[in-house]
Amino acid sequence: MMHRFVLKDFVIITLIVSVWVNISEVFRYFIFVRPEMKVNLSLLPTVADMNLPIFMIWGLWDTLLTALFVLLFWLCSNTFGNNYKTAIFSGLVAWCFFFVLFWIGMANMNLSSWNFLLIVLPMALVETLVASLITSKLYMLKNT
């Protein structure tokens, strides 16, 4: 069943889901990614700095990431229906597009260690799956 794209619903759902994505991203960044980048990119004196402008850019980046999670789920749910399988599928596809490609590229260029991917990729997978499941529930509530 095709649902009409409603921008207001999309924006509200994106903002709600972005709370989870921001928490997950900030946790993963400060606990795992930032220390890794400081080691692997130590020749860059300002690598992984955190100040207000950089923090604001990360906030925008996280919001864009969330909007893409929500849009991908909406597209998948219009094809396969809003259900658990669609949420899992959407989360897996988002994870591959946004995280697997990025981190394989980073490791392939020796900007991160391959072993680090064993930590960061499962954490990112949890983030995308939870984001998709939250999105699914929110669209279900909206459509009832």
N, C-alpha and C. Protein backbone atom coordinates (compact mmCIF):
# COMPACT_ATOMS: atom_id res chain seq x y z
N MET A 1 0.84 -1.18 0.00
CA MET A 1 0.00 0.00 0.00
C MET A 1 0.89 1.25 0.00
N MET A 2 0.72 2.07 -0.99
CA MET A 2 1.52 3.28 -1.11
C MET A 2 0.96 4.35 -0.18
N HIS A 3 1.87 4.96 0.58
CA HIS A 3 1.50 6.09 1.41
C HIS A 3 2.10 7.34 0.80
N ARG A 4 1.34 8.39 0.84
CA ARG A 4 1.81 9.67 0.34
C ARG A 4 2.90 10.18 1.26
N PHE A 5 3.96 10.76 0.68
CA PHE A 5 5.04 11.34 1.47
C PHE A 5 4.54 12.65 2.06
N VAL A 6 4.54 12.73 3.40
CA VAL A 6 4.09 13.93 4.11
C VAL A 6 5.31 14.55 4.77
N LEU A 7 5.73 15.71 4.28
CA LEU A 7 6.95 16.34 4.75
C LEU A 7 6.91 16.61 6.25
N LYS A 8 5.77 17.05 6.76
CA LYS A 8 5.65 17.34 8.20
C LYS A 8 5.93 16.08 9.03
N ASP A 9 5.33 14.95 8.64
CA ASP A 9 5.56 13.69 9.35
C ASP A 9 7.03 13.28 9.25
N PHE A 10 7.59 13.42 8.06
CA PHE A 10 8.99 13.07 7.84
C PHE A 10 9.91 13.89 8.75
N VAL A 11 9.67 15.18 8.84
CA VAL A 11 10.52 16.05 9.67
C VAL A 11 10.37 15.69 11.14
N ILE A 12 9.16 15.49 11.61
CA ILE A 12 8.93 15.15 13.02
C ILE A 12 9.59 13.81 13.36
N ILE A 13 9.38 12.81 12.51
CA ILE A 13 9.97 11.49 12.76
C ILE A 13 11.50 11.58 12.71
N THR A 14 12.03 12.34 11.75
CA THR A 14 13.48 12.52 11.67
C THR A 14 14.03 13.15 12.94
N LEU A 15 13.36 14.16 13.46
CA LEU A 15 13.83 14.81 14.69
C LEU A 15 13.79 13.87 15.89
N ILE A 16 12.74 13.08 15.98
CA ILE A 16 12.63 12.12 17.09
C ILE A 16 13.72 11.05 16.99
N VAL A 17 13.89 10.47 15.81
CA VAL A 17 14.89 9.42 15.61
C VAL A 17 16.30 9.98 15.78
N SER A 18 16.47 11.26 15.44
CA SER A 18 17.81 11.86 15.55
C SER A 18 18.30 11.92 16.99
N VAL A 19 17.40 11.89 17.96
CA VAL A 19 17.83 11.85 19.36
C VAL A 19 18.65 10.57 19.58
N TRP A 20 18.12 9.43 19.14
CA TRP A 20 18.84 8.16 19.26
C TRP A 20 20.15 8.20 18.47
N VAL A 21 20.09 8.65 17.22
CA VAL A 21 21.28 8.63 16.36
C VAL A 21 22.37 9.53 16.96
N ASN A 22 22.00 10.71 17.45
CA ASN A 22 22.99 11.61 18.05
C ASN A 22 23.64 10.98 19.28
N ILE A 23 22.84 10.38 20.14
CA ILE A 23 23.38 9.72 21.33
C ILE A 23 24.35 8.61 20.92
N SER A 24 23.93 7.78 19.98
CA SER A 24 24.76 6.67 19.53
C SER A 24 26.05 7.17 18.88
N GLU A 25 25.95 8.16 18.01
CA GLU A 25 27.13 8.70 17.31
C GLU A 25 28.11 9.33 18.29
N VAL A 26 27.60 10.13 19.21
CA VAL A 26 28.49 10.81 20.17
C VAL A 26 29.19 9.79 21.06
N PHE A 27 28.46 8.79 21.53
CA PHE A 27 29.06 7.75 22.36
C PHE A 27 30.16 7.03 21.59
N ARG A 28 29.83 6.55 20.38
CA ARG A 28 30.81 5.80 19.59
C ARG A 28 32.02 6.68 19.26
N TYR A 29 31.77 7.94 18.94
CA TYR A 29 32.87 8.84 18.57
C TYR A 29 33.83 9.07 19.74
N PHE A 30 33.28 9.47 20.88
CA PHE A 30 34.16 9.82 22.00
C PHE A 30 34.83 8.61 22.64
N ILE A 31 34.16 7.47 22.70
CA ILE A 31 34.71 6.30 23.36
C ILE A 31 35.63 5.50 22.44
N PHE A 32 35.32 5.42 21.15
CA PHE A 32 36.08 4.55 20.25
C PHE A 32 36.75 5.27 19.09
N VAL A 33 35.99 6.05 18.33
CA VAL A 33 36.51 6.62 17.08
C VAL A 33 37.56 7.70 17.32
N ARG A 34 37.29 8.62 18.20
CA ARG A 34 38.23 9.73 18.44
C ARG A 34 39.60 9.22 18.88
N PRO A 35 39.68 8.33 19.86
CA PRO A 35 41.01 7.81 20.23
C PRO A 35 41.71 7.11 19.05
N GLU A 36 40.96 6.37 18.26
CA GLU A 36 41.54 5.68 17.10
C GLU A 36 42.08 6.69 16.08
N MET A 37 41.33 7.74 15.83
CA MET A 37 41.77 8.75 14.86
C MET A 37 43.00 9.51 15.37
N LYS A 38 43.04 9.77 16.65
CA LYS A 38 44.20 10.47 17.22
C LYS A 38 45.48 9.63 17.07
N VAL A 39 45.35 8.32 17.12
CA VAL A 39 46.51 7.43 16.96
C VAL A 39 46.88 7.32 15.47
N ASN A 40 45.90 6.97 14.64
CA ASN A 40 46.19 6.71 13.23
C ASN A 40 46.45 7.96 12.41
N LEU A 41 45.96 9.09 12.85
CA LEU A 41 46.17 10.34 12.11
C LEU A 41 46.93 11.35 12.96
N SER A 42 47.87 10.86 13.75
CA SER A 42 48.58 11.71 14.71
C SER A 42 49.43 12.79 14.05
N LEU A 43 49.75 12.64 12.78
CA LEU A 43 50.54 13.67 12.09
C LEU A 43 49.73 14.94 11.83
N LEU A 44 48.42 14.84 11.91
CA LEU A 44 47.56 16.02 11.75
C LEU A 44 47.32 16.63 13.12
N PRO A 45 47.85 17.83 13.36
CA PRO A 45 47.80 18.39 14.72
C PRO A 45 46.39 18.66 15.24
N THR A 46 45.44 18.91 14.37
CA THR A 46 44.09 19.23 14.85
C THR A 46 43.09 18.11 14.56
N VAL A 47 43.59 16.90 14.32
CA VAL A 47 42.66 15.80 14.05
C VAL A 47 41.79 15.53 15.28
N ALA A 48 40.52 15.31 15.00
CA ALA A 48 39.54 14.95 16.03
C ALA A 48 39.38 16.02 17.11
N ASP A 49 39.63 17.28 16.75
CA ASP A 49 39.36 18.37 17.69
C ASP A 49 37.85 18.48 17.92
N MET A 50 37.50 18.94 19.07
CA MET A 50 36.08 19.21 19.35
C MET A 50 35.96 20.63 19.86
N ASN A 51 35.29 21.44 19.09
CA ASN A 51 34.96 22.80 19.49
C ASN A 51 33.56 23.09 18.96
N LEU A 52 33.03 24.23 19.27
CA LEU A 52 31.63 24.51 18.93
C LEU A 52 31.34 24.40 17.43
N PRO A 53 32.13 25.02 16.55
CA PRO A 53 31.81 24.87 15.13
C PRO A 53 31.84 23.41 14.65
N ILE A 54 32.82 22.64 15.09
CA ILE A 54 32.90 21.23 14.69
C ILE A 54 31.74 20.45 15.28
N PHE A 55 31.41 20.73 16.54
CA PHE A 55 30.29 20.04 17.18
C PHE A 55 28.97 20.35 16.45
N MET A 56 28.79 21.59 16.00
CA MET A 56 27.59 21.97 15.26
C MET A 56 27.53 21.26 13.91
N ILE A 57 28.67 21.14 13.25
CA ILE A 57 28.71 20.43 11.96
C ILE A 57 28.35 18.96 12.17
N TRP A 58 28.88 18.35 13.24
CA TRP A 58 28.52 16.97 13.54
C TRP A 58 27.03 16.83 13.81
N GLY A 59 26.44 17.82 14.48
CA GLY A 59 25.00 17.78 14.72
C GLY A 59 24.22 17.81 13.42
N LEU A 60 24.65 18.63 12.48
CA LEU A 60 24.00 18.68 11.16
C LEU A 60 24.21 17.36 10.41
N TRP A 61 25.43 16.83 10.50
CA TRP A 61 25.75 15.57 9.84
C TRP A 61 24.87 14.45 10.39
N ASP A 62 24.74 14.39 11.72
CA ASP A 62 23.89 13.36 12.34
C ASP A 62 22.44 13.51 11.91
N THR A 63 21.97 14.75 11.79
CA THR A 63 20.58 14.99 11.37
C THR A 63 20.38 14.56 9.92
N LEU A 64 21.35 14.87 9.06
CA LEU A 64 21.28 14.42 7.66
C LEU A 64 21.30 12.90 7.60
N LEU A 65 22.17 12.27 8.36
CA LEU A 65 22.23 10.82 8.42
C LEU A 65 20.87 10.24 8.84
N THR A 66 20.28 10.83 9.86
CA THR A 66 18.97 10.37 10.33
C THR A 66 17.91 10.56 9.26
N ALA A 67 17.91 11.70 8.59
CA ALA A 67 16.93 11.95 7.52
C ALA A 67 17.06 10.88 6.44
N LEU A 68 18.29 10.48 6.13
CA LEU A 68 18.48 9.44 5.13
C LEU A 68 18.01 8.07 5.64
N PHE A 69 18.23 7.77 6.93
CA PHE A 69 17.69 6.54 7.52
C PHE A 69 16.17 6.51 7.36
N VAL A 70 15.53 7.62 7.75
CA VAL A 70 14.06 7.70 7.73
C VAL A 70 13.54 7.62 6.30
N LEU A 71 14.17 8.33 5.38
CA LEU A 71 13.74 8.29 3.98
C LEU A 71 13.89 6.89 3.40
N LEU A 72 15.01 6.24 3.66
CA LEU A 72 15.21 4.88 3.16
C LEU A 72 14.15 3.93 3.73
N PHE A 73 13.86 4.06 5.03
CA PHE A 73 12.82 3.22 5.60
C PHE A 73 11.48 3.49 4.93
N TRP A 74 11.13 4.77 4.74
CA TRP A 74 9.85 5.13 4.12
C TRP A 74 9.75 4.51 2.73
N LEU A 75 10.83 4.61 1.95
CA LEU A 75 10.82 4.03 0.60
C LEU A 75 10.64 2.52 0.66
N CYS A 76 11.37 1.86 1.55
CA CYS A 76 11.25 0.40 1.69
C CYS A 76 9.86 0.00 2.16
N SER A 77 9.31 0.75 3.11
CA SER A 77 7.99 0.38 3.65
C SER A 77 6.89 0.57 2.61
N ASN A 78 7.09 1.47 1.66
CA ASN A 78 6.10 1.63 0.59
C ASN A 78 6.17 0.48 -0.40
N THR A 79 7.29 -0.20 -0.45
CA THR A 79 7.43 -1.35 -1.35
C THR A 79 7.08 -2.65 -0.63
N PHE A 80 7.57 -2.82 0.60
CA PHE A 80 7.43 -4.10 1.30
C PHE A 80 6.46 -4.06 2.47
N GLY A 81 5.92 -2.90 2.80
CA GLY A 81 5.03 -2.75 3.95
C GLY A 81 5.82 -2.38 5.19
N ASN A 82 5.12 -1.81 6.15
CA ASN A 82 5.77 -1.40 7.40
C ASN A 82 5.70 -2.58 8.37
N ASN A 83 6.81 -3.32 8.44
CA ASN A 83 6.87 -4.48 9.32
C ASN A 83 8.31 -4.66 9.81
N TYR A 84 8.48 -5.64 10.65
CA TYR A 84 9.78 -5.91 11.26
C TYR A 84 10.84 -6.22 10.21
N LYS A 85 10.50 -7.05 9.23
CA LYS A 85 11.45 -7.42 8.18
C LYS A 85 11.90 -6.20 7.38
N THR A 86 10.98 -5.33 7.09
CA THR A 86 11.33 -4.10 6.35
C THR A 86 12.25 -3.22 7.18
N ALA A 87 11.99 -3.12 8.47
CA ALA A 87 12.86 -2.31 9.33
C ALA A 87 14.27 -2.89 9.36
N ILE A 88 14.38 -4.21 9.46
CA ILE A 88 15.70 -4.87 9.47
C ILE A 88 16.38 -4.67 8.12
N PHE A 89 15.67 -4.88 7.03
CA PHE A 89 16.23 -4.70 5.69
C PHE A 89 16.72 -3.26 5.50
N SER A 90 15.89 -2.32 5.85
CA SER A 90 16.24 -0.90 5.71
C SER A 90 17.47 -0.56 6.55
N GLY A 91 17.51 -1.07 7.78
CA GLY A 91 18.67 -0.83 8.65
C GLY A 91 19.94 -1.42 8.09
N LEU A 92 19.86 -2.64 7.54
CA LEU A 92 21.04 -3.28 6.95
C LEU A 92 21.54 -2.52 5.72
N VAL A 93 20.62 -2.09 4.88
CA VAL A 93 21.01 -1.35 3.68
C VAL A 93 21.65 -0.01 4.08
N ALA A 94 21.04 0.68 5.03
CA ALA A 94 21.61 1.95 5.51
C ALA A 94 23.00 1.74 6.09
N TRP A 95 23.16 0.69 6.88
CA TRP A 95 24.45 0.37 7.48
C TRP A 95 25.52 0.15 6.40
N CYS A 96 25.16 -0.60 5.37
CA CYS A 96 26.12 -0.84 4.28
C CYS A 96 26.48 0.44 3.55
N PHE A 97 25.47 1.25 3.21
CA PHE A 97 25.72 2.49 2.48
C PHE A 97 26.52 3.50 3.29
N PHE A 98 26.18 3.67 4.55
CA PHE A 98 26.75 4.78 5.32
C PHE A 98 27.98 4.40 6.12
N PHE A 99 28.05 3.19 6.61
CA PHE A 99 29.13 2.84 7.52
C PHE A 99 30.12 1.83 6.93
N VAL A 100 29.62 0.75 6.36
CA VAL A 100 30.54 -0.27 5.83
C VAL A 100 31.43 0.33 4.75
N LEU A 101 30.83 1.02 3.80
CA LEU A 101 31.64 1.63 2.73
C LEU A 101 32.66 2.61 3.29
N PHE A 102 32.23 3.45 4.24
CA PHE A 102 33.14 4.45 4.82
C PHE A 102 34.31 3.80 5.53
N TRP A 103 34.01 2.85 6.43
CA TRP A 103 35.08 2.27 7.25
C TRP A 103 35.99 1.35 6.46
N ILE A 104 35.48 0.65 5.46
CA ILE A 104 36.36 -0.14 4.60
C ILE A 104 37.29 0.79 3.83
N GLY A 105 36.77 1.90 3.35
CA GLY A 105 37.61 2.88 2.67
C GLY A 105 38.69 3.44 3.59
N MET A 106 38.30 3.76 4.83
CA MET A 106 39.28 4.29 5.80
C MET A 106 40.37 3.26 6.07
N ALA A 107 40.00 2.01 6.28
CA ALA A 107 40.99 0.96 6.56
C ALA A 107 41.84 0.68 5.33
N ASN A 108 41.23 0.68 4.17
CA ASN A 108 41.96 0.41 2.94
C ASN A 108 43.02 1.48 2.66
N MET A 109 42.78 2.71 3.09
CA MET A 109 43.76 3.79 2.92
C MET A 109 44.70 3.90 4.11
N ASN A 110 44.64 2.92 5.02
CA ASN A 110 45.45 2.91 6.24
C ASN A 110 45.19 4.12 7.13
N LEU A 111 43.97 4.63 7.09
CA LEU A 111 43.57 5.72 7.98
C LEU A 111 42.90 5.18 9.24
N SER A 112 42.68 3.90 9.26
CA SER A 112 42.13 3.19 10.42
C SER A 112 42.63 1.75 10.32
N SER A 113 42.66 1.07 11.44
CA SER A 113 43.10 -0.33 11.40
C SER A 113 41.93 -1.23 11.02
N TRP A 114 42.24 -2.34 10.38
CA TRP A 114 41.19 -3.31 10.01
C TRP A 114 40.53 -3.89 11.26
N ASN A 115 41.32 -4.11 12.32
CA ASN A 115 40.76 -4.65 13.56
C ASN A 115 39.73 -3.70 14.17
N PHE A 116 39.92 -2.40 13.97
CA PHE A 116 38.98 -1.41 14.52
C PHE A 116 37.59 -1.59 13.92
N LEU A 117 37.52 -2.07 12.69
CA LEU A 117 36.23 -2.29 12.05
C LEU A 117 35.40 -3.33 12.81
N LEU A 118 36.08 -4.25 13.50
CA LEU A 118 35.37 -5.26 14.29
C LEU A 118 34.66 -4.66 15.50
N ILE A 119 35.05 -3.44 15.87
CA ILE A 119 34.41 -2.74 16.98
C ILE A 119 33.35 -1.77 16.45
N VAL A 120 33.77 -0.94 15.52
CA VAL A 120 32.92 0.18 15.10
C VAL A 120 31.75 -0.27 14.21
N LEU A 121 31.96 -1.27 13.35
CA LEU A 121 30.87 -1.67 12.47
C LEU A 121 29.70 -2.34 13.20
N PRO A 122 29.93 -3.24 14.15
CA PRO A 122 28.78 -3.77 14.89
C PRO A 122 28.02 -2.68 15.67
N MET A 123 28.76 -1.71 16.22
CA MET A 123 28.08 -0.62 16.94
C MET A 123 27.23 0.20 15.98
N ALA A 124 27.75 0.46 14.80
CA ALA A 124 26.99 1.21 13.80
C ALA A 124 25.78 0.41 13.32
N LEU A 125 25.92 -0.91 13.24
CA LEU A 125 24.79 -1.75 12.85
C LEU A 125 23.67 -1.64 13.88
N VAL A 126 24.01 -1.69 15.14
CA VAL A 126 22.99 -1.53 16.19
C VAL A 126 22.30 -0.17 16.02
N GLU A 127 23.10 0.87 15.78
CA GLU A 127 22.52 2.21 15.59
C GLU A 127 21.51 2.24 14.45
N THR A 128 21.88 1.68 13.30
CA THR A 128 20.99 1.74 12.14
C THR A 128 19.75 0.87 12.33
N LEU A 129 19.92 -0.30 12.95
CA LEU A 129 18.76 -1.16 13.17
C LEU A 129 17.78 -0.52 14.16
N VAL A 130 18.31 0.03 15.24
CA VAL A 130 17.43 0.70 16.22
C VAL A 130 16.75 1.90 15.57
N ALA A 131 17.48 2.68 14.79
CA ALA A 131 16.89 3.83 14.11
C ALA A 131 15.75 3.39 13.18
N SER A 132 15.96 2.31 12.45
CA SER A 132 14.92 1.81 11.55
C SER A 132 13.71 1.29 12.32
N LEU A 133 13.95 0.60 13.43
CA LEU A 133 12.84 0.10 14.24
C LEU A 133 12.05 1.24 14.87
N ILE A 134 12.73 2.26 15.35
CA ILE A 134 12.03 3.44 15.89
C ILE A 134 11.21 4.10 14.79
N THR A 135 11.81 4.26 13.62
CA THR A 135 11.11 4.87 12.49
C THR A 135 9.86 4.07 12.14
N SER A 136 9.99 2.75 12.10
CA SER A 136 8.86 1.88 11.80
C SER A 136 7.73 2.10 12.79
N LYS A 137 8.06 2.10 14.08
CA LYS A 137 7.03 2.29 15.11
C LYS A 137 6.36 3.66 14.98
N LEU A 138 7.15 4.69 14.71
CA LEU A 138 6.59 6.03 14.59
C LEU A 138 5.67 6.15 13.39
N TYR A 139 6.04 5.56 12.27
CA TYR A 139 5.14 5.57 11.10
C TYR A 139 3.90 4.73 11.36
N MET A 140 4.03 3.62 12.12
CA MET A 140 2.85 2.83 12.47
C MET A 140 1.88 3.66 13.32
N LEU A 141 2.43 4.37 14.31
CA LEU A 141 1.58 5.21 15.16
C LEU A 141 0.92 6.31 14.35
N LYS A 142 1.64 6.88 13.42
CA LYS A 142 1.11 7.96 12.60
C LYS A 142 -0.01 7.47 11.69
N ASN A 143 0.10 6.23 11.21
CA ASN A 143 -0.86 5.70 10.26
C ASN A 143 -2.03 4.96 10.90
N THR A 144 -2.12 4.97 12.25
CA THR A 144 -3.25 4.28 12.88
C THR A 144 -4.33 5.26 13.26
